[in-house]
């Protein structure tokens, strides 16, 4: 199985200033989950920005087409807050309401934050209407019907709220749930409904964003779990199982992959470090995804390619080796060498030639260019962003243009 695109992208772009101006009232952390569907000024700015981004992608032959996540203030916005049974808590105390030593909240606390917004389950979880249909319809309105299959939409992971909240607080007693399995079962059904709704309207490529799975590679997070009395391995197993609840229902002609990174907040801030070694075998073997988007641009942050030895035949990895955190443009030969190295690791483990192993690989930036409206790599500009995406395009053409040889 080959990945759908040899040159891919994670989906979030730097925001045009006109869009930032229209959404300036959402800059506060407590407004992250604000629903702005009925604000005509914001909607018009989003539509204009997406039309511009699509045209730019078309001119530069960059695929898959993405909306830039211009409908969202932050990459995980728009889903949980629209589910029945979910209640937005805009100002939870940042240390008391969240997991002990949770990397995101501890770093935010160091920056001076006192509260953080989250979405807590207060009743039975039910899908009412598509969270991302407007985003998809805006994106596809700028495409021919034949181009719909060349587009991708992103959805946050089912574990996003649960992993950050203090143990036992992701759902209340009034929710009707008594354990995590019940919570994730209904949440999985909501994901299945969202995915089916998007599929019915023409979506054929979805990326689930789950940066928090990399927290299980972090000694800080694992130590915090110990302090909370949480079995980290059991927690990881429950999250992987939560993905499979909806993956079992995916139509056969819908591609769906999962993206793991460590964040790209303002000033190139990332949340955790640590190799995929601790989670790779379970990630590849215990989830039903065909494709994994993994960041590999900085060995000090995420280690080397060794964990790819766990990749089973028939699955793909999109190598995020072009940085969205640094404005400097990578060298083509460095990208080629990185793909060759990754292919050799996979080839040795699978007992195939490196040229065969390269067939399950693709290239992308390591993270989105802007995890939230005001985030992004230090020194990264709009011009630099497009140069990076063109580099990924050209590198992929050079590597796989000759029958997959590296």
Protein backbone atom coordinates (compact mmCIF):
# COMPACT_ATOMS: atom_id res chain seq x y z
CA UNK A 1 0.00 0.00 0.00
CA UNK A 2 1.32 3.42 -0.94
CA UNK A 3 0.37 6.64 0.87
CA UNK A 4 -2.18 8.76 -1.03
CA UNK A 5 0.34 11.58 -1.61
CA UNK A 6 4.14 11.38 -1.72
CA UNK A 7 4.22 15.08 -0.78
CA UNK A 8 1.70 15.76 1.98
CA UNK A 9 0.99 18.50 4.50
CA UNK A 10 -0.38 18.55 8.02
CA UNK A 11 -3.16 21.00 7.25
CA UNK A 12 -2.72 24.21 9.22
CA UNK A 13 -1.32 27.36 7.63
CA UNK A 14 -0.25 30.73 8.93
CA UNK A 15 -3.32 32.99 8.99
CA UNK A 16 -3.65 36.02 6.71
CA UNK A 17 -3.76 39.27 8.65
CA UNK A 18 -7.29 40.05 7.46
CA UNK A 19 -8.50 36.81 9.03
CA UNK A 20 -6.64 37.52 12.27
CA UNK A 21 -8.23 40.96 12.41
CA UNK A 22 -11.72 39.50 11.93
CA UNK A 23 -11.17 36.98 14.72
CA UNK A 24 -9.24 39.27 17.08
CA UNK A 25 -11.89 38.94 19.81
CA UNK A 26 -11.06 35.21 20.01
CA UNK A 27 -7.42 35.76 20.97
CA UNK A 28 -8.13 35.11 24.66
CA UNK A 29 -7.53 31.53 25.83
CA UNK A 30 -11.00 31.37 27.37
CA UNK A 31 -12.52 31.97 23.91
CA UNK A 32 -10.80 28.99 22.27
CA UNK A 33 -14.09 27.10 22.07
CA UNK A 34 -16.23 30.06 21.04
CA UNK A 35 -18.70 29.11 18.29
CA UNK A 36 -18.78 31.80 15.61
CA UNK A 37 -20.93 30.15 12.93
CA UNK A 38 -23.42 33.01 12.95
CA UNK A 39 -20.90 35.87 12.77
CA UNK A 40 -21.09 37.08 9.13
CA UNK A 41 -17.86 39.11 9.34
CA UNK A 42 -15.82 36.16 10.56
CA UNK A 43 -17.47 33.76 8.13
CA UNK A 44 -16.75 36.06 5.18
CA UNK A 45 -13.11 36.43 6.24
CA UNK A 46 -12.75 32.65 6.57
CA UNK A 47 -14.25 32.02 3.14
CA UNK A 48 -12.00 34.60 1.52
CA UNK A 49 -8.91 33.20 3.22
CA UNK A 50 -9.71 29.62 2.22
CA UNK A 51 -10.34 30.64 -1.39
CA UNK A 52 -6.95 32.37 -1.44
CA UNK A 53 -5.19 29.36 0.13
CA UNK A 54 -6.75 26.91 -2.31
CA UNK A 55 -5.74 29.04 -5.29
CA UNK A 56 -2.19 29.25 -3.95
CA UNK A 57 -2.04 25.46 -3.51
CA UNK A 58 -3.33 24.99 -7.05
CA UNK A 59 -0.78 27.41 -8.53
CA UNK A 60 2.08 25.65 -6.71
CA UNK A 61 0.81 22.09 -7.33
CA UNK A 62 0.66 21.43 -3.61
CA UNK A 63 -1.55 18.55 -2.52
CA UNK A 64 -3.64 17.56 -0.73
CA UNK A 65 -5.77 20.70 -0.78
CA UNK A 66 -6.39 21.92 2.76
CA UNK A 67 -8.40 24.74 4.28
CA UNK A 68 -5.44 25.85 6.38
CA UNK A 69 -7.78 25.27 9.34
CA UNK A 70 -8.85 28.88 8.75
CA UNK A 71 -12.29 28.14 10.24
CA UNK A 72 -10.72 27.38 13.60
CA UNK A 73 -8.91 29.40 16.23
CA UNK A 74 -6.95 26.28 17.21
CA UNK A 75 -6.50 22.89 15.57
CA UNK A 76 -8.79 21.00 17.98
CA UNK A 77 -11.53 23.62 17.94
CA UNK A 78 -15.01 23.02 16.59
CA UNK A 79 -15.70 19.42 17.48
CA UNK A 80 -16.16 18.63 21.18
CA UNK A 81 -18.08 21.81 21.93
CA UNK A 82 -20.69 20.91 19.31
CA UNK A 83 -21.52 17.48 20.73
CA UNK A 84 -24.59 17.01 22.86
CA UNK A 85 -23.54 16.20 26.40
CA UNK A 86 -20.35 18.27 26.24
CA UNK A 87 -20.03 21.53 28.19
CA UNK A 88 -17.33 24.15 27.66
CA UNK A 89 -15.54 25.24 30.84
CA UNK A 90 -13.75 28.44 29.80
CA UNK A 91 -11.71 29.10 32.96
CA UNK A 92 -10.67 25.96 34.81
CA UNK A 93 -7.84 26.47 37.34
CA UNK A 94 -4.76 25.47 35.43
CA UNK A 95 -3.05 23.45 38.15
CA UNK A 96 -6.00 22.03 40.09
CA UNK A 97 -8.23 20.91 37.20
CA UNK A 98 -5.61 19.21 35.05
CA UNK A 99 -3.28 16.24 35.35
CA UNK A 100 -0.26 16.51 37.60
CA UNK A 101 2.84 17.66 35.70
CA UNK A 102 0.86 17.72 32.46
CA UNK A 103 3.40 19.27 30.05
CA UNK A 104 0.99 21.71 28.38
CA UNK A 105 -0.51 23.18 31.52
CA UNK A 106 2.76 23.31 33.46
CA UNK A 107 4.38 25.26 30.62
CA UNK A 108 1.38 27.56 30.39
CA UNK A 109 1.57 28.11 34.13
CA UNK A 110 5.25 29.04 33.76
CA UNK A 111 4.13 31.61 31.17
CA UNK A 112 1.76 33.10 33.75
CA UNK A 113 -1.54 31.46 32.85
CA UNK A 114 -3.92 30.84 35.76
CA UNK A 115 -6.80 29.15 33.91
CA UNK A 116 -7.35 27.06 30.79
CA UNK A 117 -10.46 26.17 28.83
CA UNK A 118 -11.57 22.56 28.39
CA UNK A 119 -14.70 20.65 27.41
CA UNK A 120 -16.18 18.39 30.08
CA UNK A 121 -18.79 15.69 29.50
CA UNK A 122 -21.88 16.50 31.59
CA UNK A 123 -24.44 14.27 29.86
CA UNK A 124 -24.73 11.40 27.38
CA UNK A 125 -22.55 12.12 24.33
CA UNK A 126 -24.56 12.40 21.14
CA UNK A 127 -23.65 13.65 17.65
CA UNK A 128 -26.22 16.21 16.51
CA UNK A 129 -24.82 17.71 13.31
CA UNK A 130 -21.49 17.80 11.53
CA UNK A 131 -18.90 20.00 13.21
CA UNK A 132 -16.79 20.45 10.09
CA UNK A 133 -19.33 20.39 7.28
CA UNK A 134 -19.18 24.15 6.73
CA UNK A 135 -15.40 23.98 6.58
CA UNK A 136 -15.54 21.14 4.07
CA UNK A 137 -18.18 22.83 1.91
CA UNK A 138 -16.17 26.05 1.86
CA UNK A 139 -13.07 24.12 0.85
CA UNK A 140 -14.80 22.08 -1.85
CA UNK A 141 -16.59 25.15 -3.27
CA UNK A 142 -13.18 26.23 -4.51
CA UNK A 143 -12.53 22.85 -6.18
CA UNK A 144 -13.92 21.00 -9.13
CA UNK A 145 -15.75 17.80 -8.23
CA UNK A 146 -12.84 15.82 -9.63
CA UNK A 147 -10.53 17.63 -7.19
CA UNK A 148 -12.50 16.70 -4.08
CA UNK A 149 -10.54 13.46 -3.79
CA UNK A 150 -7.35 15.54 -3.70
CA UNK A 151 -8.47 17.39 -0.55
CA UNK A 152 -8.02 16.56 3.11
CA UNK A 153 -9.77 17.67 6.28
CA UNK A 154 -8.46 17.36 9.84
CA UNK A 155 -10.24 16.28 13.03
CA UNK A 156 -8.87 16.30 16.61
CA UNK A 157 -8.36 13.01 18.43
CA UNK A 158 -10.95 11.47 20.77
CA UNK A 159 -8.53 11.58 23.69
CA UNK A 160 -7.83 15.31 23.52
CA UNK A 161 -10.05 16.43 26.41
CA UNK A 162 -9.63 13.30 28.52
CA UNK A 163 -5.84 13.26 28.57
CA UNK A 164 -5.43 16.78 29.92
CA UNK A 165 -8.11 16.79 32.61
CA UNK A 166 -7.40 15.47 36.09
CA UNK A 167 -8.12 11.73 36.43
CA UNK A 168 -11.83 11.08 36.86
CA UNK A 169 -12.96 14.55 35.77
CA UNK A 170 -13.40 14.21 31.98
CA UNK A 171 -17.04 13.31 32.69
CA UNK A 172 -19.21 14.21 35.65
CA UNK A 173 -21.46 11.97 37.76
CA UNK A 174 -24.46 13.51 35.99
CA UNK A 175 -23.16 12.36 32.61
CA UNK A 176 -24.37 8.81 33.16
CA UNK A 177 -20.90 7.38 32.58
CA UNK A 178 -19.15 5.37 35.27
CA UNK A 179 -15.96 4.46 33.44
CA UNK A 180 -13.72 5.56 30.58
CA UNK A 181 -14.78 2.73 28.29
CA UNK A 182 -18.39 3.93 28.27
CA UNK A 183 -17.25 7.52 27.64
CA UNK A 184 -15.01 6.55 24.72
CA UNK A 185 -17.59 4.19 23.26
CA UNK A 186 -20.16 6.95 22.84
CA UNK A 187 -17.51 9.43 21.78
CA UNK A 188 -16.35 6.93 19.16
CA UNK A 189 -19.91 6.66 17.85
CA UNK A 190 -19.98 10.46 17.53
CA UNK A 191 -16.74 10.36 15.54
CA UNK A 192 -18.16 7.66 13.29
CA UNK A 193 -21.22 9.83 12.62
CA UNK A 194 -19.07 12.88 11.84
CA UNK A 195 -16.85 10.91 9.49
CA UNK A 196 -19.83 9.34 7.72
CA UNK A 197 -21.49 12.73 7.27
CA UNK A 198 -18.34 14.17 5.71
CA UNK A 199 -17.89 11.09 3.55
CA UNK A 200 -21.46 11.39 2.27
CA UNK A 201 -20.62 14.92 1.09
CA UNK A 202 -17.48 13.89 -0.77
CA UNK A 203 -14.61 13.76 1.74
CA UNK A 204 -12.16 10.98 0.89
CA UNK A 205 -9.15 11.88 3.03
CA UNK A 206 -9.18 12.62 6.77
CA UNK A 207 -6.33 13.26 9.19
CA UNK A 208 -6.88 12.69 12.90
CA UNK A 209 -4.60 14.98 14.92
CA UNK A 210 -3.35 13.32 18.10
CA UNK A 211 -0.25 15.17 19.33
CA UNK A 212 -0.96 14.05 22.87
CA UNK A 213 -0.02 10.46 22.09
CA UNK A 214 3.57 11.75 22.09
CA UNK A 215 3.11 12.63 25.76
CA UNK A 216 3.56 8.93 26.47
CA UNK A 217 7.11 9.45 25.18
CA UNK A 218 7.68 12.16 27.83
CA UNK A 219 9.24 11.35 31.20
CA UNK A 220 7.47 14.38 32.70
CA UNK A 221 4.05 13.10 31.68
CA UNK A 222 4.80 9.55 32.81
CA UNK A 223 6.04 10.81 36.18
CA UNK A 224 2.85 12.86 36.53
CA UNK A 225 0.79 9.71 35.87
CA UNK A 226 2.66 7.96 38.68
CA UNK A 227 1.90 10.83 41.05
CA UNK A 228 -1.78 10.66 40.11
CA UNK A 229 -1.89 6.90 40.56
CA UNK A 230 -2.59 6.41 36.85
CA UNK A 231 -1.40 3.32 35.00
CA UNK A 232 0.13 5.02 31.95
CA UNK A 233 0.23 1.85 29.85
CA UNK A 234 -3.42 1.12 30.51
CA UNK A 235 -4.26 4.74 29.68
CA UNK A 236 -2.38 4.49 26.37
CA UNK A 237 -4.21 1.24 25.57
CA UNK A 238 -7.57 2.92 26.23
CA UNK A 239 -6.73 5.80 23.89
CA UNK A 240 -5.63 3.52 21.06
CA UNK A 241 -8.82 1.49 21.53
CA UNK A 242 -10.84 4.74 21.38
CA UNK A 243 -9.50 5.36 17.87
CA UNK A 244 -10.49 1.87 16.77
CA UNK A 245 -14.13 2.40 17.80
CA UNK A 246 -14.67 4.66 14.78
CA UNK A 247 -11.95 3.24 12.55
CA UNK A 248 -13.92 -0.01 12.34
CA UNK A 249 -16.71 1.87 10.56
CA UNK A 250 -14.62 3.77 7.99
CA UNK A 251 -15.79 3.24 4.36
CA UNK A 252 -13.22 1.29 2.32
CA UNK A 253 -12.55 4.13 -0.10
CA UNK A 254 -11.95 6.72 2.64
CA UNK A 255 -8.31 7.23 3.57
CA UNK A 256 -7.76 8.11 7.21
CA UNK A 257 -4.42 8.71 8.91
CA UNK A 258 -3.24 9.90 12.31
CA UNK A 259 -0.78 12.73 12.93
CA UNK A 260 1.52 12.81 15.96
CA UNK A 261 3.67 15.82 16.78
CA UNK A 262 4.78 17.90 19.74
CA UNK A 263 3.09 21.18 18.86
CA UNK A 264 4.04 24.39 17.10
CA UNK A 265 2.89 27.21 19.29
CA UNK A 266 4.01 30.85 19.18
CA UNK A 267 7.77 31.21 18.96
CA UNK A 268 8.32 27.58 17.92
CA UNK A 269 7.23 26.33 21.34
CA UNK A 270 6.72 22.58 21.58
CA UNK A 271 5.29 20.75 24.56
CA UNK A 272 7.27 17.53 24.98
CA UNK A 273 10.37 15.66 23.87
CA UNK A 274 11.01 11.95 23.63
CA UNK A 275 11.48 9.15 21.11
CA UNK A 276 8.60 7.20 19.57
CA UNK A 277 10.34 4.07 20.89
CA UNK A 278 7.98 3.74 23.85
CA UNK A 279 4.77 3.80 21.80
CA UNK A 280 5.70 2.70 18.27
CA UNK A 281 4.89 -0.98 18.49
CA UNK A 282 1.46 -0.42 20.05
CA UNK A 283 0.71 2.53 17.78
CA UNK A 284 1.45 0.62 14.58
CA UNK A 285 0.00 -2.73 15.60
CA UNK A 286 -2.92 -1.83 17.88
CA UNK A 287 -4.61 0.81 15.72
CA UNK A 288 -6.36 0.32 12.40
CA UNK A 289 -4.82 3.33 10.67
CA UNK A 290 -3.10 2.69 7.33
CA UNK A 291 -1.03 5.89 7.56
CA UNK A 292 0.93 7.60 10.34
CA UNK A 293 2.14 11.20 10.07
CA UNK A 294 5.21 11.45 12.33
CA UNK A 295 7.59 14.34 12.96
CA UNK A 296 11.29 13.62 12.48
CA UNK A 297 12.86 17.01 11.88
CA UNK A 298 14.86 17.25 15.12
CA UNK A 299 16.52 14.17 16.66
CA UNK A 300 16.93 15.99 19.97
CA UNK A 301 13.17 16.42 20.19
CA UNK A 302 11.86 13.09 18.90
CA UNK A 303 14.79 10.73 18.37
CA UNK A 304 15.85 8.81 15.27
CA UNK A 305 14.11 6.48 12.81
CA UNK A 306 14.75 3.30 14.84
CA UNK A 307 11.09 2.97 16.01
CA UNK A 308 10.05 2.52 12.37
CA UNK A 309 11.32 -1.06 12.63
CA UNK A 310 7.93 -1.83 14.22
CA UNK A 311 6.00 -0.73 11.11
CA UNK A 312 4.13 -3.74 9.69
CA UNK A 313 3.86 -4.41 5.98
CA UNK A 314 0.85 -2.76 4.38
CA UNK A 315 1.06 0.44 6.46
CA UNK A 316 2.58 3.84 5.64
CA UNK A 317 4.54 6.56 7.36
CA UNK A 318 4.61 10.18 6.23
CA UNK A 319 7.98 11.52 7.38
CA UNK A 320 7.69 15.03 8.79
CA UNK A 321 11.27 16.09 8.16
CA UNK A 322 10.78 19.67 6.94
CA UNK A 323 10.55 21.97 9.95
CA UNK A 324 7.72 24.42 10.51
CA UNK A 325 9.57 25.74 13.57
CA UNK A 326 12.63 27.08 11.76
CA UNK A 327 12.55 29.46 8.76
CA UNK A 328 15.79 28.11 7.27
CA UNK A 329 15.13 26.00 4.17
CA UNK A 330 16.33 22.42 4.37
CA UNK A 331 18.70 21.05 1.73
CA UNK A 332 17.35 18.63 -0.84
CA UNK A 333 20.13 16.10 -0.31
CA UNK A 334 19.44 16.06 3.44
CA UNK A 335 15.83 15.13 2.76
CA UNK A 336 16.85 12.42 0.33
CA UNK A 337 19.32 11.02 2.87
CA UNK A 338 16.66 11.02 5.61
CA UNK A 339 14.21 9.07 3.43
CA UNK A 340 16.97 6.62 2.55
CA UNK A 341 17.79 6.12 6.25
CA UNK A 342 14.14 5.56 7.19
CA UNK A 343 13.69 3.12 4.31
CA UNK A 344 16.74 1.15 5.42
CA UNK A 345 15.35 0.78 8.95
CA UNK A 346 12.03 -0.50 7.63
CA UNK A 347 13.69 -2.71 5.02
CA UNK A 348 15.90 -4.44 7.58
CA UNK A 349 12.92 -5.17 9.83
CA UNK A 350 10.61 -6.34 7.03
CA UNK A 351 13.23 -8.28 5.09
CA UNK A 352 12.81 -6.30 1.87
CA UNK A 353 15.00 -4.06 -0.25
CA UNK A 354 15.20 -0.37 0.73
CA UNK A 355 13.63 0.58 -2.61
CA UNK A 356 10.61 -1.55 -1.70
CA UNK A 357 10.43 -0.10 1.82
CA UNK A 358 10.51 3.42 0.33
CA UNK A 359 7.19 2.60 -1.29
CA UNK A 360 5.42 2.98 2.06
CA UNK A 361 6.93 6.41 2.76
CA UNK A 362 6.03 10.00 1.95
CA UNK A 363 7.19 13.48 2.98
CA UNK A 364 5.55 16.39 4.80
CA UNK A 365 6.33 19.23 7.17
CA UNK A 366 6.72 17.94 10.72
CA UNK A 367 3.81 19.91 12.16
CA UNK A 368 1.24 22.45 11.13
CA UNK A 369 2.56 25.91 10.42
CA UNK A 370 0.24 27.38 13.03
CA UNK A 371 -1.34 25.17 15.71
CA UNK A 372 -3.54 28.14 16.60
CA UNK A 373 -4.33 31.49 15.02
CA UNK A 374 -1.49 33.29 16.75
CA UNK A 375 0.98 30.40 16.83
CA UNK A 376 3.75 29.43 14.48
CA UNK A 377 7.46 29.01 14.10
CA UNK A 378 9.79 31.80 15.16
CA UNK A 379 10.74 33.80 12.11
CA UNK A 380 8.38 31.86 9.82
CA UNK A 381 6.67 34.02 7.22
CA UNK A 382 3.89 33.37 4.75
CA UNK A 383 6.45 33.38 1.94
CA UNK A 384 8.67 30.99 3.87
CA UNK A 385 5.73 28.66 4.49
CA UNK A 386 5.03 28.29 0.77
CA UNK A 387 8.73 27.78 0.07
CA UNK A 388 8.75 24.92 2.59
CA UNK A 389 5.71 23.31 0.97
CA UNK A 390 7.28 23.64 -2.49
CA UNK A 391 10.44 22.03 -1.12
CA UNK A 392 8.40 19.05 0.10
CA UNK A 393 6.78 18.85 -3.34
CA UNK A 394 10.09 18.96 -5.20
CA UNK A 395 11.84 16.54 -2.83
CA UNK A 396 9.04 13.99 -3.22
CA UNK A 397 9.15 14.30 -7.00
CA UNK A 398 12.89 13.77 -6.97
CA UNK A 399 12.79 10.77 -4.64
CA UNK A 400 9.82 8.83 -5.98
CA UNK A 401 9.91 9.93 -9.59
CA UNK A 402 12.19 7.04 -10.54
CA UNK A 403 10.00 4.08 -9.52
CA UNK A 404 10.45 4.75 -5.82
CA UNK A 405 14.24 4.51 -5.81
CA UNK A 406 16.08 6.37 -3.06
